[in-house]
Amino acid sequence: MQAVDEAVSKNIIVTPNPLPIGENIKFQPTSQQGVSFGGNDRTPTITVNFGKPAEVHSVTLPRNQTPNGNVQQFEVTFYSPDGNKINDKPILSNSSPNKDKTKPAELDSSQIPSNTPVSRVDITIVSTTDGESPKGVVLDIIACTEATTETTNVTPVSTGFTSGSRGTGTGTGTGTSTRVGITESTQTPGTTTKRCKEMQA
């Protein structure tokens, strides 16, 4: 699911020149404007901090969702929850063709470290289709969290006892015995299963 929702977008940091207050919410993929940078910000770095660690599946900077989207190529550095870089060198995205806005610059799952929790993503815009500063930038990041589900197996255990024999009092000497069953439940630890839960970070 989209990792960049309103809560995450509010905490996005841009360097070297910070954005005006409130501008960063336009990074959301639902924005029709996106974020446009000034003439001196040709290669800004956009830092996205997730609310909780997530497994990133893809990173895309679409051009066809905003009127002036011009990001041609970007590079990404992923960080683990302990703050260390997951990839020593930034991973370069594919290049978006100048004249085809439907083919965005992106990293797909084959280019991203798999099964690795990510807490932070640094995206540096490398080039634009018109050589100008980045315009109409929105972030389409697909990620999911791993949710741990505990299951407990309940195993019925039957025990029983036999009551004492007693005579019928008729002189026939016959006796009756009664078996009473008691069912107890014991709990044994079950398996712990992990599932990939789509996130709205």
Protein backbone atom coordinates (compact mmCIF):
# COMPACT_ATOMS: atom_id res chain seq x y z
CA MET A 1 0.00 0.00 0.00
CA GLN A 2 1.04 3.61 -0.33
CA ALA A 3 3.61 4.39 2.34
CA VAL A 4 3.42 8.15 1.88
CA ASP A 5 0.17 9.23 3.50
CA GLU A 6 -0.54 12.56 5.17
CA ALA A 7 1.16 11.63 8.44
CA VAL A 8 4.35 10.45 6.74
CA SER A 9 4.42 13.34 4.27
CA LYS A 10 4.33 15.89 7.10
CA ASN A 11 7.62 14.48 8.39
CA ILE A 12 9.43 14.48 5.04
CA ILE A 13 12.66 16.45 5.13
CA VAL A 14 14.25 18.06 2.08
CA THR A 15 17.92 19.04 1.87
CA PRO A 16 19.93 21.14 1.27
CA ASN A 17 17.14 23.74 1.16
CA PRO A 18 14.11 23.05 3.38
CA LEU A 19 10.63 23.44 1.94
CA PRO A 20 8.18 26.08 3.18
CA ILE A 21 6.02 24.86 6.06
CA GLY A 22 3.15 22.68 4.85
CA GLU A 23 4.56 22.18 1.37
CA ASN A 24 5.74 18.63 2.03
CA ILE A 25 2.21 17.20 2.18
CA LYS A 26 2.14 17.69 -1.60
CA PHE A 27 4.51 14.72 -1.91
CA GLN A 28 1.51 12.44 -1.40
CA PRO A 29 0.72 10.39 -4.51
CA THR A 30 -2.85 11.72 -4.41
CA SER A 31 -1.61 15.29 -4.91
CA GLN A 32 -2.41 16.87 -8.26
CA GLN A 33 0.25 19.54 -7.82
CA GLY A 34 3.26 17.80 -6.34
CA VAL A 35 6.26 19.71 -5.03
CA SER A 36 8.21 22.05 -7.30
CA PHE A 37 11.72 23.15 -6.40
CA GLY A 38 13.39 26.50 -6.95
CA GLY A 39 15.98 27.17 -9.60
CA ASN A 40 18.90 26.49 -7.26
CA ASP A 41 17.57 23.09 -6.16
CA ARG A 42 18.57 20.93 -9.11
CA THR A 43 19.35 17.74 -7.16
CA PRO A 44 17.43 17.85 -3.87
CA THR A 45 17.42 14.93 -1.45
CA ILE A 46 14.03 13.89 -0.07
CA THR A 47 14.14 11.97 3.23
CA VAL A 48 11.11 9.84 4.08
CA ASN A 49 10.85 8.43 7.60
CA PHE A 50 8.32 5.63 8.03
CA GLY A 51 6.19 5.50 11.15
CA LYS A 52 7.27 1.88 11.61
CA PRO A 53 9.76 -0.34 9.75
CA ALA A 54 8.44 -1.65 6.46
CA GLU A 55 9.48 -3.83 3.57
CA VAL A 56 9.69 -1.60 0.49
CA HIS A 57 8.47 -3.10 -2.78
CA SER A 58 8.84 -0.19 -5.18
CA VAL A 59 9.71 3.50 -5.39
CA THR A 60 8.25 5.56 -8.23
CA LEU A 61 8.29 9.27 -9.06
CA PRO A 62 5.43 9.50 -11.59
CA ARG A 63 5.29 12.29 -14.15
CA ASN A 64 1.75 11.83 -15.43
CA GLN A 65 -0.04 12.71 -12.18
CA THR A 66 0.95 16.37 -12.19
CA PRO A 67 0.87 18.84 -15.11
CA ASN A 68 4.57 19.68 -14.94
CA GLY A 69 6.18 16.47 -13.62
CA ASN A 70 9.73 16.32 -14.99
CA VAL A 71 11.76 13.86 -12.89
CA GLN A 72 13.86 11.76 -15.24
CA GLN A 73 16.02 9.77 -12.83
CA PHE A 74 16.69 9.45 -9.12
CA GLU A 75 18.77 7.38 -6.71
CA VAL A 76 17.80 5.83 -3.38
CA THR A 77 19.54 4.89 -0.15
CA PHE A 78 17.67 2.65 2.28
CA TYR A 79 18.24 2.66 6.04
CA SER A 80 17.53 -0.08 8.57
CA PRO A 81 15.71 0.54 11.89
CA ASP A 82 19.08 0.90 13.66
CA GLY A 83 19.99 3.79 11.35
CA ASN A 84 22.58 1.99 9.24
CA LYS A 85 22.64 2.06 5.46
CA ILE A 86 21.24 -1.08 3.85
CA ASN A 87 22.89 -0.34 0.51
CA ASP A 88 26.38 1.19 0.62
CA LYS A 89 25.95 2.89 -2.73
CA PRO A 90 22.74 4.61 -3.82
CA ILE A 91 20.58 2.53 -6.17
CA LEU A 92 19.91 4.34 -9.45
CA SER A 93 16.41 4.22 -10.90
CA ASN A 94 15.60 3.63 -14.52
CA SER A 95 15.37 6.71 -16.72
CA SER A 96 12.01 8.16 -17.72
CA PRO A 97 11.85 8.92 -21.47
CA ASN A 98 11.63 12.64 -22.21
CA LYS A 99 8.53 12.37 -24.35
CA ASP A 100 6.68 9.58 -22.55
CA LYS A 101 5.20 10.67 -19.22
CA THR A 102 3.52 7.30 -18.75
CA LYS A 103 6.89 5.61 -18.13
CA PRO A 104 8.14 7.08 -14.84
CA ALA A 105 11.50 6.84 -13.16
CA GLU A 106 11.22 3.95 -10.72
CA LEU A 107 12.86 1.20 -8.71
CA ASP A 108 11.01 -2.10 -8.75
CA SER A 109 11.24 -5.05 -6.37
CA SER A 110 14.12 -6.63 -8.31
CA GLN A 111 16.32 -3.62 -7.52
CA ILE A 112 15.40 -3.24 -3.85
CA PRO A 113 16.88 -5.37 -1.01
CA SER A 114 14.20 -7.97 -0.32
CA ASN A 115 12.86 -9.09 3.06
CA THR A 116 14.64 -6.20 4.73
CA PRO A 117 12.90 -3.84 7.17
CA VAL A 118 13.37 -0.22 6.16
CA SER A 119 12.76 2.74 8.45
CA ARG A 120 14.04 5.56 6.25
CA VAL A 121 14.46 6.26 2.54
CA ASP A 122 16.67 8.97 1.03
CA ILE A 123 15.67 9.88 -2.53
CA THR A 124 17.99 12.17 -4.48
CA ILE A 125 16.74 13.48 -7.81
CA VAL A 126 19.57 13.09 -10.31
CA SER A 127 18.14 14.58 -13.49
CA THR A 128 15.03 16.06 -15.09
CA THR A 129 13.63 15.76 -18.59
CA ASP A 130 14.06 19.46 -19.35
CA GLY A 131 17.27 20.21 -17.45
CA GLU A 132 15.39 22.47 -15.05
CA SER A 133 14.86 22.03 -11.32
CA PRO A 134 12.44 19.23 -10.36
CA LYS A 135 8.77 20.08 -10.78
CA GLY A 136 5.53 18.36 -9.80
CA VAL A 137 7.27 15.77 -7.63
CA VAL A 138 5.09 13.15 -5.94
CA LEU A 139 6.30 10.01 -4.19
CA ASP A 140 4.69 6.67 -4.93
CA ILE A 141 6.25 4.21 -2.47
CA ILE A 142 4.71 0.77 -2.07
CA ALA A 143 5.60 -0.91 1.21
CA CYS A 144 4.21 -3.28 3.79
CA THR A 145 4.90 -4.16 7.39
CA GLU A 146 5.42 -7.64 8.78
CA ALA A 147 2.80 -8.48 11.35
CA THR A 148 3.50 -11.30 13.78
CA THR A 149 0.47 -13.43 14.56
CA GLU A 150 0.51 -15.69 17.60
CA THR A 151 -1.65 -18.82 17.45
CA THR A 152 -2.39 -21.08 20.42
CA ASN A 153 -3.49 -24.67 20.05
CA VAL A 154 -5.97 -25.95 22.63
CA THR A 155 -5.76 -29.71 23.19
CA PRO A 156 -8.63 -31.40 25.07
CA VAL A 157 -7.41 -34.01 27.57
CA SER A 158 -9.94 -36.50 28.95
CA THR A 159 -9.43 -38.05 32.35
CA GLY A 160 -11.82 -40.23 34.28
CA PHE A 161 -12.44 -41.97 37.54
CA THR A 162 -14.72 -44.80 38.60
CA SER A 163 -17.04 -44.40 41.53
CA GLY A 164 -17.08 -47.02 44.21
CA SER A 165 -19.30 -50.07 43.62
CA ARG A 166 -22.40 -50.30 45.63
CA GLY A 167 -24.98 -53.01 46.01
CA THR A 168 -28.51 -52.74 44.78
CA GLY A 169 -29.91 -53.88 48.11
CA THR A 170 -31.98 -56.60 46.43
CA GLY A 171 -29.77 -59.37 47.64
CA THR A 172 -28.76 -60.28 44.14
CA GLY A 173 -25.27 -59.03 44.70
CA THR A 174 -25.18 -57.00 41.57
CA GLY A 175 -23.33 -53.75 41.70
CA THR A 176 -23.13 -50.72 39.53
CA SER A 177 -20.17 -48.62 38.72
CA THR A 178 -20.28 -45.20 37.19
CA ARG A 179 -17.46 -43.73 35.10
CA VAL A 180 -17.43 -39.99 35.12
CA GLY A 181 -15.42 -38.22 32.43
CA ILE A 182 -13.74 -34.92 33.06
CA THR A 183 -12.42 -32.90 30.17
CA GLU A 184 -9.56 -30.56 30.80
CA SER A 185 -7.97 -28.14 28.37
CA THR A 186 -4.27 -27.66 28.13
CA GLN A 187 -2.67 -24.97 26.04
CA THR A 188 0.42 -25.63 24.03
CA PRO A 189 2.34 -22.88 22.26
CA GLY A 190 1.38 -22.70 18.64
CA THR A 191 3.35 -21.63 15.68
CA THR A 192 4.23 -18.03 15.08
CA THR A 193 3.36 -16.98 11.58
CA LYS A 194 4.51 -13.85 9.84
CA ARG A 195 2.47 -12.24 7.17
CA CYS A 196 3.09 -9.20 5.09
CA LYS A 197 0.53 -6.64 6.13
CA GLU A 198 -0.07 -3.80 3.75
CA MET A 199 0.72 -0.55 5.42
CA GLN A 200 -0.41 2.99 5.44
CA ALA A 201 2.75 4.21 7.07
